[in-house]
Amino acid sequence: MTYRLIAAYHHPADHEAFVAHYRDVHAPLAAKLPDVRAFTWGVCESPDGSRSPHALVAVLDWDTREAAQAALSSEAGEAAVADLQNFAQAGVDMQFTEVTTAV
């Protein structure tokens, strides 16, 4: 099983500063989360060139729901959550999902 956290960030006032903070500060914090099996992120684009609904999306995977919850409750998790106030003032939508692989 894979248990996934998807974080979809709203468009900030200063896109370049937002991406720089995410890349240089927040992503290294997230990469330290205990037992995370995969962590990917990317700046969003729309196929037709229009404004994407989100500025950036991050995906983190753990083996179980319990591992994800423990990671977010850990010292590293608390640091990552606390950092949100430093760059994600526009907001972030977070959701968890148990992943089903079809192919």
PDB file of N, CA and C in Angstrom:
ATOM      1  N   MET A   1       0.842  -1.182   0.000  1.00  0.00           N
ATOM      2  CA  MET A   1       0.000   0.000   0.000  1.00  0.00           C
ATOM      3  C   MET A   1       0.888   1.246   0.000  1.00  0.00           C
ATOM      4  N   THR A   2       0.371   2.292  -0.579  1.00  0.00           N
ATOM      5  CA  THR A   2       1.012   3.602  -0.517  1.00  0.00           C
ATOM      6  C   THR A   2      -0.005   4.588   0.021  1.00  0.00           C
ATOM      7  N   TYR A   3       0.435   5.402   0.958  1.00  0.00           N
ATOM      8  CA  TYR A   3      -0.405   6.459   1.506  1.00  0.00           C
ATOM      9  C   TYR A   3       0.226   7.780   1.112  1.00  0.00           C
ATOM     10  N   ARG A   4      -0.547   8.648   0.498  1.00  0.00           N
ATOM     11  CA  ARG A   4      -0.011   9.839  -0.163  1.00  0.00           C
ATOM     12  C   ARG A   4      -0.576  11.127   0.408  1.00  0.00           C
ATOM     13  N   LEU A   5       0.308  12.129   0.527  1.00  0.00           N
ATOM     14  CA  LEU A   5      -0.076  13.503   0.834  1.00  0.00           C
ATOM     15  C   LEU A   5       0.143  14.322  -0.429  1.00  0.00           C
ATOM     16  N   ILE A   6      -0.893  15.028  -0.853  1.00  0.00           N
ATOM     17  CA  ILE A   6      -0.796  15.941  -1.985  1.00  0.00           C
ATOM     18  C   ILE A   6      -1.016  17.351  -1.443  1.00  0.00           C
ATOM     19  N   ALA A   7      -0.044  18.227  -1.687  1.00  0.00           N
ATOM     20  CA  ALA A   7      -0.136  19.623  -1.265  1.00  0.00           C
ATOM     21  C   ALA A   7      -0.165  20.489  -2.520  1.00  0.00           C
ATOM     22  N   ALA A   8      -1.259  21.187  -2.727  1.00  0.00           N
ATOM     23  CA  ALA A   8      -1.430  22.041  -3.902  1.00  0.00           C
ATOM     24  C   ALA A   8      -1.475  23.501  -3.431  1.00  0.00           C
ATOM     25  N   TYR A   9      -0.446  24.240  -3.797  1.00  0.00           N
ATOM     26  CA  TYR A   9      -0.259  25.606  -3.311  1.00  0.00           C
ATOM     27  C   TYR A   9      -0.945  26.623  -4.216  1.00  0.00           C
ATOM     28  N   HIS A  10      -1.640  27.575  -3.607  1.00  0.00           N
ATOM     29  CA  HIS A  10      -2.294  28.656  -4.339  1.00  0.00           C
ATOM     30  C   HIS A  10      -1.236  29.628  -4.860  1.00  0.00           C
ATOM     31  N   HIS A  11      -1.627  30.429  -5.839  1.00  0.00           N
ATOM     32  CA  HIS A  11      -0.704  31.392  -6.453  1.00  0.00           C
ATOM     33  C   HIS A  11      -0.336  32.505  -5.466  1.00  0.00           C
ATOM     34  N   PRO A  12       0.960  32.690  -5.217  1.00  0.00           N
ATOM     35  CA  PRO A  12       1.416  33.738  -4.308  1.00  0.00           C
ATOM     36  C   PRO A  12       1.525  35.081  -5.025  1.00  0.00           C
ATOM     37  N   ALA A  13       1.686  36.134  -4.256  1.00  0.00           N
ATOM     38  CA  ALA A  13       1.894  37.465  -4.835  1.00  0.00           C
ATOM     39  C   ALA A  13       3.224  37.533  -5.584  1.00  0.00           C
ATOM     40  N   ASP A  14       4.265  36.912  -5.039  1.00  0.00           N
ATOM     41  CA  ASP A  14       5.595  36.925  -5.656  1.00  0.00           C
ATOM     42  C   ASP A  14       5.995  35.490  -5.985  1.00  0.00           C
ATOM     43  N   HIS A  15       5.705  35.086  -7.215  1.00  0.00           N
ATOM     44  CA  HIS A  15       5.922  33.706  -7.640  1.00  0.00           C
ATOM     45  C   HIS A  15       7.392  33.287  -7.527  1.00  0.00           C
ATOM     46  N   GLU A  16       8.295  34.131  -7.963  1.00  0.00           N
ATOM     47  CA  GLU A  16       9.720  33.772  -7.946  1.00  0.00           C
ATOM     48  C   GLU A  16      10.232  33.572  -6.524  1.00  0.00           C
ATOM     49  N   ALA A  17       9.850  34.446  -5.603  1.00  0.00           N
ATOM     50  CA  ALA A  17      10.270  34.308  -4.203  1.00  0.00           C
ATOM     51  C   ALA A  17       9.663  33.048  -3.590  1.00  0.00           C
ATOM     52  N   PHE A  18       8.413  32.762  -3.950  1.00  0.00           N
ATOM     53  CA  PHE A  18       7.739  31.571  -3.462  1.00  0.00           C
ATOM     54  C   PHE A  18       8.487  30.311  -3.895  1.00  0.00           C
ATOM     55  N   VAL A  19       8.782  30.203  -5.188  1.00  0.00           N
ATOM     56  CA  VAL A  19       9.479  29.017  -5.704  1.00  0.00           C
ATOM     57  C   VAL A  19      10.874  28.908  -5.100  1.00  0.00           C
ATOM     58  N   ALA A  20      11.567  30.018  -4.951  1.00  0.00           N
ATOM     59  CA  ALA A  20      12.907  29.994  -4.362  1.00  0.00           C
ATOM     60  C   ALA A  20      12.839  29.486  -2.920  1.00  0.00           C
ATOM     61  N   HIS A  21      11.883  29.959  -2.149  1.00  0.00           N
ATOM     62  CA  HIS A  21      11.755  29.486  -0.768  1.00  0.00           C
ATOM     63  C   HIS A  21      11.405  28.005  -0.740  1.00  0.00           C
ATOM     64  N   TYR A  22      10.481  27.607  -1.596  1.00  0.00           N
ATOM     65  CA  TYR A  22      10.098  26.193  -1.619  1.00  0.00           C
ATOM     66  C   TYR A  22      11.317  25.327  -1.939  1.00  0.00           C
ATOM     67  N   ARG A  23      12.024  25.674  -2.983  1.00  0.00           N
ATOM     68  CA  ARG A  23      13.180  24.897  -3.439  1.00  0.00           C
ATOM     69  C   ARG A  23      14.298  24.874  -2.399  1.00  0.00           C
ATOM     70  N   ASP A  24      14.614  26.032  -1.838  1.00  0.00           N
ATOM     71  CA  ASP A  24      15.797  26.167  -0.993  1.00  0.00           C
ATOM     72  C   ASP A  24      15.558  25.882   0.487  1.00  0.00           C
ATOM     73  N   VAL A  25      14.321  26.036   0.943  1.00  0.00           N
ATOM     74  CA  VAL A  25      14.040  25.873   2.376  1.00  0.00           C
ATOM     75  C   VAL A  25      13.030  24.753   2.629  1.00  0.00           C
ATOM     76  N   HIS A  26      11.844  24.863   2.022  1.00  0.00           N
ATOM     77  CA  HIS A  26      10.776  23.930   2.376  1.00  0.00           C
ATOM     78  C   HIS A  26      11.026  22.517   1.853  1.00  0.00           C
ATOM     79  N   ALA A  27      11.438  22.383   0.617  1.00  0.00           N
ATOM     80  CA  ALA A  27      11.688  21.039   0.076  1.00  0.00           C
ATOM     81  C   ALA A  27      12.735  20.289   0.894  1.00  0.00           C
ATOM     82  N   PRO A  28      13.854  20.916   1.294  1.00  0.00           N
ATOM     83  CA  PRO A  28      14.803  20.191   2.149  1.00  0.00           C
ATOM     84  C   PRO A  28      14.192  19.778   3.495  1.00  0.00           C
ATOM     85  N   LEU A  29      13.296  20.593   4.051  1.00  0.00           N
ATOM     86  CA  LEU A  29      12.612  20.210   5.287  1.00  0.00           C
ATOM     87  C   LEU A  29      11.720  18.997   5.051  1.00  0.00           C
ATOM     88  N   ALA A  30      10.944  19.026   3.973  1.00  0.00           N
ATOM     89  CA  ALA A  30      10.044  17.917   3.663  1.00  0.00           C
ATOM     90  C   ALA A  30      10.817  16.630   3.377  1.00  0.00           C
ATOM     91  N   ALA A  31      11.964  16.760   2.768  1.00  0.00           N
ATOM     92  CA  ALA A  31      12.779  15.582   2.440  1.00  0.00           C
ATOM     93  C   ALA A  31      13.289  14.875   3.693  1.00  0.00           C
ATOM     94  N   LYS A  32      13.275  15.557   4.832  1.00  0.00           N
ATOM     95  CA  LYS A  32      13.740  14.974   6.096  1.00  0.00           C
ATOM     96  C   LYS A  32      12.638  14.252   6.870  1.00  0.00           C
ATOM     97  N   LEU A  33      11.422  14.255   6.348  1.00  0.00           N
ATOM     98  CA  LEU A  33      10.331  13.591   7.053  1.00  0.00           C
ATOM     99  C   LEU A  33      10.634  12.102   7.205  1.00  0.00           C
ATOM    100  N   PRO A  34      10.429  11.558   8.390  1.00  0.00           N
ATOM    101  CA  PRO A  34      10.728  10.142   8.607  1.00  0.00           C
ATOM    102  C   PRO A  34       9.924   9.216   7.696  1.00  0.00           C
ATOM    103  N   ASP A  35      10.600   8.212   7.202  1.00  0.00           N
ATOM    104  CA  ASP A  35       9.995   7.117   6.437  1.00  0.00           C
ATOM    105  C   ASP A  35       9.305   7.530   5.146  1.00  0.00           C
ATOM    106  N   VAL A  36       9.534   8.763   4.669  1.00  0.00           N
ATOM    107  CA  VAL A  36       8.945   9.157   3.388  1.00  0.00           C
ATOM    108  C   VAL A  36       9.622   8.324   2.301  1.00  0.00           C
ATOM    109  N   ARG A  37       8.820   7.698   1.453  1.00  0.00           N
ATOM    110  CA  ARG A  37       9.338   6.802   0.406  1.00  0.00           C
ATOM    111  C   ARG A  37       9.598   7.539  -0.901  1.00  0.00           C
ATOM    112  N   ALA A  38       8.822   8.593  -1.132  1.00  0.00           N
ATOM    113  CA  ALA A  38       9.000   9.387  -2.354  1.00  0.00           C
ATOM    114  C   ALA A  38       8.521  10.802  -2.060  1.00  0.00           C
ATOM    115  N   PHE A  39       9.208  11.763  -2.637  1.00  0.00           N
ATOM    116  CA  PHE A  39       8.827  13.172  -2.510  1.00  0.00           C
ATOM    117  C   PHE A  39       9.147  13.833  -3.835  1.00  0.00           C
ATOM    118  N   THR A  40       8.114  14.301  -4.508  1.00  0.00           N
ATOM    119  CA  THR A  40       8.279  15.011  -5.775  1.00  0.00           C
ATOM    120  C   THR A  40       7.492  16.308  -5.707  1.00  0.00           C
ATOM    121  N   TRP A  41       7.939  17.291  -6.476  1.00  0.00           N
ATOM    122  CA  TRP A  41       7.210  18.549  -6.555  1.00  0.00           C
ATOM    123  C   TRP A  41       7.478  19.194  -7.899  1.00  0.00           C
ATOM    124  N   GLY A  42       6.571  20.080  -8.289  1.00  0.00           N
ATOM    125  CA  GLY A  42       6.761  20.788  -9.541  1.00  0.00           C
ATOM    126  C   GLY A  42       5.907  22.035  -9.617  1.00  0.00           C
ATOM    127  N   VAL A  43       6.382  22.984 -10.382  1.00  0.00           N
ATOM    128  CA  VAL A  43       5.641  24.206 -10.663  1.00  0.00           C
ATOM    129  C   VAL A  43       4.595  23.859 -11.716  1.00  0.00           C
ATOM    130  N   CYS A  44       3.365  24.278 -11.497  1.00  0.00           N
ATOM    131  CA  CYS A  44       2.246  23.887 -12.354  1.00  0.00           C
ATOM    132  C   CYS A  44       2.165  24.717 -13.635  1.00  0.00           C
ATOM    133  N   GLU A  45       1.740  24.053 -14.689  1.00  0.00           N
ATOM    134  CA  GLU A  45       1.444  24.675 -15.981  1.00  0.00           C
ATOM    135  C   GLU A  45       0.161  24.050 -16.511  1.00  0.00           C
ATOM    136  N   SER A  46      -0.558  24.791 -17.340  1.00  0.00           N
ATOM    137  CA  SER A  46      -1.744  24.255 -18.005  1.00  0.00           C
ATOM    138  C   SER A  46      -1.390  23.889 -19.439  1.00  0.00           C
ATOM    139  N   PRO A  47      -2.004  22.843 -19.976  1.00  0.00           N
ATOM    140  CA  PRO A  47      -1.710  22.433 -21.348  1.00  0.00           C
ATOM    141  C   PRO A  47      -1.955  23.532 -22.379  1.00  0.00           C
ATOM    142  N   ASP A  48      -2.947  24.402 -22.118  1.00  0.00           N
ATOM    143  CA  ASP A  48      -3.272  25.448 -23.090  1.00  0.00           C
ATOM    144  C   ASP A  48      -2.581  26.780 -22.796  1.00  0.00           C
ATOM    145  N   GLY A  49      -1.720  26.812 -21.769  1.00  0.00           N
ATOM    146  CA  GLY A  49      -1.000  28.037 -21.441  1.00  0.00           C
ATOM    147  C   GLY A  49      -1.750  28.989 -20.535  1.00  0.00           C
ATOM    148  N   SER A  50      -2.988  28.668 -20.186  1.00  0.00           N
ATOM    149  CA  SER A  50      -3.738  29.528 -19.258  1.00  0.00           C
ATOM    150  C   SER A  50      -3.198  29.316 -17.840  1.00  0.00           C
ATOM    151  N   ARG A  51      -3.622  30.161 -16.933  1.00  0.00           N
ATOM    152  CA  ARG A  51      -3.169  30.058 -15.541  1.00  0.00           C
ATOM    153  C   ARG A  51      -3.682  28.766 -14.915  1.00  0.00           C
ATOM    154  N   SER A  52      -2.783  27.994 -14.379  1.00  0.00           N
ATOM    155  CA  SER A  52      -3.115  26.749 -13.703  1.00  0.00           C
ATOM    156  C   SER A  52      -3.858  27.054 -12.406  1.00  0.00           C
ATOM    157  N   PRO A  53      -4.724  26.169 -11.948  1.00  0.00           N
ATOM    158  CA  PRO A  53      -5.421  26.407 -10.684  1.00  0.00           C
ATOM    159  C   PRO A  53      -4.482  26.524  -9.476  1.00  0.00           C
ATOM    160  N   HIS A  54      -3.297  25.922  -9.566  1.00  0.00           N
ATOM    161  CA  HIS A  54      -2.331  25.975  -8.469  1.00  0.00           C
ATOM    162  C   HIS A  54      -0.967  26.403  -8.996  1.00  0.00           C
ATOM    163  N   ALA A  55      -0.169  26.963  -8.108  1.00  0.00           N
ATOM    164  CA  ALA A  55       1.177  27.411  -8.472  1.00  0.00           C
ATOM    165  C   ALA A  55       2.184  26.267  -8.446  1.00  0.00           C
ATOM    166  N   LEU A  56       2.023  25.359  -7.479  1.00  0.00           N
ATOM    167  CA  LEU A  56       2.988  24.287  -7.275  1.00  0.00           C
ATOM    168  C   LEU A  56       2.263  23.144  -6.586  1.00  0.00           C
ATOM    169  N   VAL A  57       2.639  21.931  -6.931  1.00  0.00           N
ATOM    170  CA  VAL A  57       2.070  20.745  -6.286  1.00  0.00           C
ATOM    171  C   VAL A  57       3.212  19.858  -5.811  1.00  0.00           C
ATOM    172  N   ALA A  58       3.077  19.373  -4.581  1.00  0.00           N
ATOM    173  CA  ALA A  58       4.042  18.437  -4.009  1.00  0.00           C
ATOM    174  C   ALA A  58       3.318  17.143  -3.662  1.00  0.00           C
ATOM    175  N   VAL A  59       4.016  16.028  -3.831  1.00  0.00           N
ATOM    176  CA  VAL A  59       3.458  14.711  -3.542  1.00  0.00           C
ATOM    177  C   VAL A  59       4.450  13.949  -2.679  1.00  0.00           C
ATOM    178  N   LEU A  60       3.986  13.463  -1.543  1.00  0.00           N
ATOM    179  CA  LEU A  60       4.827  12.681  -0.634  1.00  0.00           C
ATOM    180  C   LEU A  60       4.154  11.350  -0.360  1.00  0.00           C
ATOM    181  N   ASP A  61       4.925  10.273  -0.389  1.00  0.00           N
ATOM    182  CA  ASP A  61       4.396   8.930  -0.187  1.00  0.00           C
ATOM    183  C   ASP A  61       5.032   8.233   1.002  1.00  0.00           C
ATOM    184  N   TRP A  62       4.197   7.515   1.743  1.00  0.00           N
ATOM    185  CA  TRP A  62       4.635   6.641   2.828  1.00  0.00           C
ATOM    186  C   TRP A  62       4.027   5.267   2.599  1.00  0.00           C
ATOM    187  N   ASP A  63       4.490   4.295   3.340  1.00  0.00           N
ATOM    188  CA  ASP A  63       3.962   2.939   3.211  1.00  0.00           C
ATOM    189  C   ASP A  63       2.563   2.802   3.801  1.00  0.00           C
ATOM    190  N   THR A  64       2.281   3.557   4.869  1.00  0.00           N
ATOM    191  CA  THR A  64       0.996   3.433   5.558  1.00  0.00           C
ATOM    192  C   THR A  64       0.511   4.791   6.057  1.00  0.00           C
ATOM    193  N   ARG A  65      -0.763   4.850   6.387  1.00  0.00           N
ATOM    194  CA  ARG A  65      -1.345   6.049   6.986  1.00  0.00           C
ATOM    195  C   ARG A  65      -0.646   6.361   8.305  1.00  0.00           C
ATOM    196  N   GLU A  66      -0.387   5.335   9.092  1.00  0.00           N
ATOM    197  CA  GLU A  66       0.257   5.526  10.392  1.00  0.00           C
ATOM    198  C   GLU A  66       1.656   6.122  10.233  1.00  0.00           C
ATOM    199  N   ALA A  67       2.395   5.690   9.221  1.00  0.00           N
ATOM    200  CA  ALA A  67       3.737   6.232   8.976  1.00  0.00           C
ATOM    201  C   ALA A  67       3.651   7.704   8.582  1.00  0.00           C
ATOM    202  N   ALA A  68       2.668   8.067   7.771  1.00  0.00           N
ATOM    203  CA  ALA A  68       2.490   9.462   7.369  1.00  0.00           C
ATOM    204  C   ALA A  68       2.139  10.324   8.576  1.00  0.00           C
ATOM    205  N   GLN A  69       1.212   9.853   9.392  1.00  0.00           N
ATOM    206  CA  GLN A  69       0.804  10.619  10.566  1.00  0.00           C
ATOM    207  C   GLN A  69       1.966  10.775  11.550  1.00  0.00           C
ATOM    208  N   ALA A  70       2.733   9.722  11.734  1.00  0.00           N
ATOM    209  CA  ALA A  70       3.885   9.799  12.629  1.00  0.00           C
ATOM    210  C   ALA A  70       4.920  10.782  12.088  1.00  0.00           C
ATOM    211  N   ALA A  71       5.133  10.771  10.786  1.00  0.00           N
ATOM    212  CA  ALA A  71       6.111  11.682  10.171  1.00  0.00           C
ATOM    213  C   ALA A  71       5.696  13.129  10.372  1.00  0.00           C
ATOM    214  N   LEU A  72       4.428  13.419  10.169  1.00  0.00           N
ATOM    215  CA  LEU A  72       3.957  14.790  10.307  1.00  0.00           C
ATOM    216  C   LEU A  72       3.937  15.252  11.763  1.00  0.00           C
ATOM    217  N   SER A  73       3.863  14.318  12.688  1.00  0.00           N
ATOM    218  CA  SER A  73       3.895  14.643  14.114  1.00  0.00           C
ATOM    219  C   SER A  73       5.310  14.699  14.677  1.00  0.00           C
ATOM    220  N   SER A  74       6.274  14.316  13.869  1.00  0.00           N
ATOM    221  CA  SER A  74       7.669  14.286  14.311  1.00  0.00           C
ATOM    222  C   SER A  74       8.244  15.705  14.371  1.00  0.00           C
ATOM    223  N   GLU A  75       9.447  15.822  14.894  1.00  0.00           N
ATOM    224  CA  GLU A  75      10.134  17.119  14.929  1.00  0.00           C
ATOM    225  C   GLU A  75      10.304  17.677  13.515  1.00  0.00           C
ATOM    226  N   ALA A  76      10.675  16.815  12.563  1.00  0.00           N
ATOM    227  CA  ALA A  76      10.834  17.253  11.170  1.00  0.00           C
ATOM    228  C   ALA A  76       9.493  17.693  10.582  1.00  0.00           C
ATOM    229  N   GLY A  77       8.437  16.977  10.911  1.00  0.00           N
ATOM    230  CA  GLY A  77       7.108  17.337  10.430  1.00  0.00           C
ATOM    231  C   GLY A  77       6.639  18.664  10.994  1.00  0.00           C
ATOM    232  N   GLU A  78       6.886  18.873  12.267  1.00  0.00           N
ATOM    233  CA  GLU A  78       6.511  20.137  12.887  1.00  0.00           C
ATOM    234  C   GLU A  78       7.276  21.299  12.274  1.00  0.00           C
ATOM    235  N   ALA A  79       8.543  21.084  11.939  1.00  0.00           N
ATOM    236  CA  ALA A  79       9.343  22.140  11.297  1.00  0.00           C
ATOM    237  C   ALA A  79       8.797  22.466   9.914  1.00  0.00           C
ATOM    238  N   ALA A  80       8.423  21.438   9.156  1.00  0.00           N
ATOM    239  CA  ALA A  80       7.881  21.666   7.815  1.00  0.00           C
ATOM    240  C   ALA A  80       6.543  22.393   7.886  1.00  0.00           C
ATOM    241  N   VAL A  81       5.688  21.991   8.802  1.00  0.00           N
ATOM    242  CA  VAL A  81       4.387  22.652   8.952  1.00  0.00           C
ATOM    243  C   VAL A  81       4.582  24.101   9.398  1.00  0.00           C
ATOM    244  N   ALA A  82       5.481  24.342  10.333  1.00  0.00           N
ATOM    245  CA  ALA A  82       5.744  25.706  10.808  1.00  0.00           C
ATOM    246  C   ALA A  82       6.267  26.598   9.692  1.00  0.00           C
ATOM    247  N   ASP A  83       7.015  26.019   8.745  1.00  0.00           N
ATOM    248  CA  ASP A  83       7.578  26.804   7.651  1.00  0.00           C
ATOM    249  C   ASP A  83       6.512  27.313   6.687  1.00  0.00           C
ATOM    250  N   LEU A  84       5.343  26.700   6.654  1.00  0.00           N
ATOM    251  CA  LEU A  84       4.290  27.137   5.730  1.00  0.00           C
ATOM    252  C   LEU A  84       3.989  28.623   5.890  1.00  0.00           C
ATOM    253  N   GLN A  85       4.022  29.127   7.104  1.00  0.00           N
ATOM    254  CA  GLN A  85       3.719  30.547   7.334  1.00  0.00           C
ATOM    255  C   GLN A  85       4.757  31.464   6.709  1.00  0.00           C
ATOM    256  N   ASN A  86       5.923  30.928   6.366  1.00  0.00           N
ATOM    257  CA  ASN A  86       6.998  31.736   5.796  1.00  0.00           C
ATOM    258  C   ASN A  86       6.883  31.940   4.284  1.00  0.00           C
ATOM    259  N   PHE A  87       6.021  31.160   3.616  1.00  0.00           N
ATOM    260  CA  PHE A  87       5.962  31.290   2.158  1.00  0.00           C
ATOM    261  C   PHE A  87       4.600  30.983   1.553  1.00  0.00           C
ATOM    262  N   ALA A  88       3.713  30.347   2.280  1.00  0.00           N
ATOM    263  CA  ALA A  88       2.439  29.896   1.699  1.00  0.00           C
ATOM    264  C   ALA A  88       1.261  30.732   2.182  1.00  0.00           C
ATOM    265  N   GLN A  89       1.453  32.042   2.237  1.00  0.00           N
ATOM    266  CA  GLN A  89       0.387  32.919   2.717  1.00  0.00           C
ATOM    267  C   GLN A  89      -0.859  32.878   1.830  1.00  0.00           C
ATOM    268  N   ALA A  90      -0.695  32.544   0.561  1.00  0.00           N
ATOM    269  CA  ALA A  90      -1.843  32.479  -0.348  1.00  0.00           C
ATOM    270  C   ALA A  90      -2.700  31.246  -0.090  1.00  0.00           C
ATOM    271  N   GLY A  91      -2.145  30.272   0.634  1.00  0.00           N
ATOM    272  CA  GLY A  91      -2.900  29.073   0.989  1.00  0.00           C
ATOM    273  C   GLY A  91      -2.382  27.822   0.308  1.00  0.00           C
ATOM    274  N   VAL A  92      -2.739  26.717   0.888  1.00  0.00           N
ATOM    275  CA  VAL A  92      -2.365  25.412   0.354  1.00  0.00           C
ATOM    276  C   VAL A  92      -3.505  24.444   0.649  1.00  0.00           C
ATOM    277  N   ASP A  93      -3.869  23.654  -0.347  1.00  0.00           N
ATOM    278  CA  ASP A  93      -4.871  22.602  -0.183  1.00  0.00           C
ATOM    279  C   ASP A  93      -4.117  21.302   0.025  1.00  0.00           C
ATOM    280  N   MET A  94      -4.424  20.594   1.110  1.00  0.00           N
ATOM    281  CA  MET A  94      -3.759  19.322   1.379  1.00  0.00           C
ATOM    282  C   MET A  94      -4.795  18.222   1.447  1.00  0.00           C
ATOM    283  N   GLN A  95      -4.434  17.111   0.854  1.00  0.00           N
ATOM    284  CA  GLN A  95      -5.304  15.944   0.936  1.00  0.00           C
ATOM    285  C   GLN A  95      -4.476  14.682   1.050  1.00  0.00           C
ATOM    286  N   PHE A  96      -5.036  13.703   1.721  1.00  0.00           N
ATOM    287  CA  PHE A  96      -4.417  12.397   1.850  1.00  0.00           C
ATOM    288  C   PHE A  96      -5.215  11.404   1.031  1.00  0.00           C
ATOM    289  N   THR A  97      -4.530  10.408   0.515  1.00  0.00           N
ATOM    290  CA  THR A  97      -5.201   9.374  -0.246  1.00  0.00           C
ATOM    291  C   THR A  97      -4.451   8.059  -0.135  1.00  0.00           C
ATOM    292  N   GLU A  98      -5.197   6.992  -0.081  1.00  0.00           N
ATOM    293  CA  GLU A  98      -4.607   5.672  -0.206  1.00  0.00           C
ATOM    294  C   GLU A  98      -4.542   5.399  -1.705  1.00  0.00           C
ATOM    295  N   VAL A  99      -3.349   5.144  -2.201  1.00  0.00           N
ATOM    296  CA  VAL A  99      -3.124   5.050  -3.642  1.00  0.00           C
ATOM    297  C   VAL A  99      -3.478   3.665  -4.168  1.00  0.00           C
ATOM    298  N   THR A 100      -4.216   3.654  -5.257  1.00  0.00           N
ATOM    299  CA  THR A 100      -4.488   2.426  -5.995  1.00  0.00           C
ATOM    300  C   THR A 100      -3.768   2.542  -7.324  1.00  0.00           C
ATOM    301  N   THR A 101      -2.918   1.582  -7.613  1.00  0.00           N
ATOM    302  CA  THR A 101      -2.173   1.599  -8.873  1.00  0.00           C
ATOM    303  C   THR A 101      -2.925   0.733  -9.889  1.00  0.00           C
ATOM    304  N   ALA A 102      -3.264   1.336 -11.018  1.00  0.00           N
ATOM    305  CA  ALA A 102      -4.027   0.637 -12.048  1.00  0.00           C
ATOM    306  C   ALA A 102      -3.131  -0.015 -13.100  1.00  0.00           C
ATOM    307  N   VAL A 103      -1.968   0.566 -13.329  1.00  0.00           N
ATOM    308  CA  VAL A 103      -1.042   0.015 -14.338  1.00  0.00           C
ATOM    309  C   VAL A 103       0.321  -0.124 -13.718  1.00  0.00           C
TER     310      VAL A 103
END
